[in-house]
Amino acid sequence: MSKKSKMPTIHEQMVFLIHEMVERELPIKEAIKEFEKIYIETAAETYNGNKTKMAQALGIHRNTLHNLCKTLKIKVRMHPNG
């Protein structure tokens, strides 16, 4: 009987990344900003740039999403093939 390798949980993956950030002495504000930016960019890809769907999935108001994109300098565009 072979054991299946268990995928690390989100928590375990984040613990690993956070240890790395702390070791590199990355300020918490920069870490949070980078997390938000990647999170929003990933939502943009997933929802084809549709800000209404992105905001719903992220659990925030569309205006809040718009302001975050502006603050983090994220350009979200609708993809023509979606």
Protein backbone atom coordinates (compact mmCIF):
# COMPACT_ATOMS: atom_id res chain seq x y z
CA MET A 1 0.00 0.00 0.00
CA SER A 2 1.56 3.31 -1.05
CA LYS A 3 1.11 6.51 0.88
CA LYS A 4 -0.13 9.50 -1.06
CA SER A 5 1.88 12.62 -0.44
CA LYS A 6 -0.29 15.12 1.35
CA MET A 7 -0.41 18.62 -0.09
CA PRO A 8 0.49 21.28 2.49
CA THR A 9 -2.47 23.29 3.75
CA ILE A 10 -2.76 26.99 2.98
CA HIS A 11 -1.74 27.67 6.58
CA GLU A 12 1.38 25.52 6.26
CA GLN A 13 2.34 27.19 2.98
CA MET A 14 1.89 30.65 4.48
CA VAL A 15 3.94 29.74 7.57
CA PHE A 16 6.79 28.73 5.26
CA LEU A 17 6.57 31.98 3.28
CA ILE A 18 6.29 34.14 6.39
CA HIS A 19 9.38 32.51 7.92
CA GLU A 20 11.25 33.39 4.74
CA MET A 21 10.00 37.00 4.85
CA VAL A 22 11.00 37.39 8.50
CA GLU A 23 14.46 35.94 7.80
CA ARG A 24 14.88 38.52 5.02
CA GLU A 25 13.64 41.22 7.42
CA LEU A 26 10.85 42.29 5.08
CA PRO A 27 8.77 44.96 6.83
CA ILE A 28 5.22 43.80 7.57
CA LYS A 29 3.68 46.67 5.57
CA GLU A 30 5.61 45.60 2.46
CA ALA A 31 4.63 41.95 3.02
CA ILE A 32 0.94 42.84 3.34
CA LYS A 33 1.08 45.11 0.30
CA GLU A 34 2.71 42.35 -1.78
CA PHE A 35 0.13 39.79 -0.58
CA GLU A 36 -2.77 42.11 -1.48
CA LYS A 37 -1.29 42.86 -4.89
CA ILE A 38 -0.78 39.20 -5.80
CA TYR A 39 -4.19 38.25 -4.38
CA ILE A 40 -5.98 40.90 -6.47
CA GLU A 41 -3.97 40.10 -9.61
CA THR A 42 -4.87 36.42 -9.22
CA ALA A 43 -8.55 37.32 -8.81
CA ALA A 44 -8.31 39.46 -11.94
CA GLU A 45 -7.00 36.48 -13.90
CA THR A 46 -9.59 34.14 -12.43
CA TYR A 47 -12.54 36.45 -13.13
CA ASN A 48 -11.26 37.80 -16.43
CA GLY A 49 -10.88 41.32 -15.03
CA ASN A 50 -14.56 41.58 -14.05
CA LYS A 51 -14.32 43.86 -11.00
CA THR A 52 -17.82 43.08 -9.76
CA LYS A 53 -17.11 39.33 -9.66
CA MET A 54 -13.65 39.97 -8.20
CA ALA A 55 -15.05 42.11 -5.39
CA GLN A 56 -17.71 39.50 -4.58
CA ALA A 57 -15.11 36.73 -4.46
CA LEU A 58 -12.78 38.81 -2.27
CA GLY A 59 -15.62 39.81 0.06
CA ILE A 60 -15.16 43.54 -0.45
CA HIS A 61 -17.17 46.35 -2.05
CA ARG A 62 -16.38 47.14 -5.68
CA ASN A 63 -15.34 50.68 -4.71
CA THR A 64 -12.92 49.26 -2.14
CA LEU A 65 -11.45 47.04 -4.86
CA HIS A 66 -11.11 50.06 -7.14
CA ASN A 67 -9.31 52.02 -4.41
CA LEU A 68 -6.99 49.11 -3.61
CA CYS A 69 -6.10 48.75 -7.29
CA LYS A 70 -5.33 52.45 -7.45
CA THR A 71 -3.24 52.39 -4.25
CA LEU A 72 -1.33 49.26 -5.26
CA LYS A 73 -0.97 50.44 -8.89
CA ILE A 74 -2.77 47.42 -10.32
CA LYS A 75 -4.28 47.77 -13.78
CA VAL A 76 -7.24 45.43 -14.21
CA ARG A 77 -8.51 45.02 -17.72
CA MET A 78 -11.29 42.87 -19.09
CA HIS A 79 -9.87 40.22 -21.41
CA PRO A 80 -11.53 40.18 -24.84
CA ASN A 81 -11.79 36.36 -24.99
CA GLY A 82 -13.68 35.93 -21.73
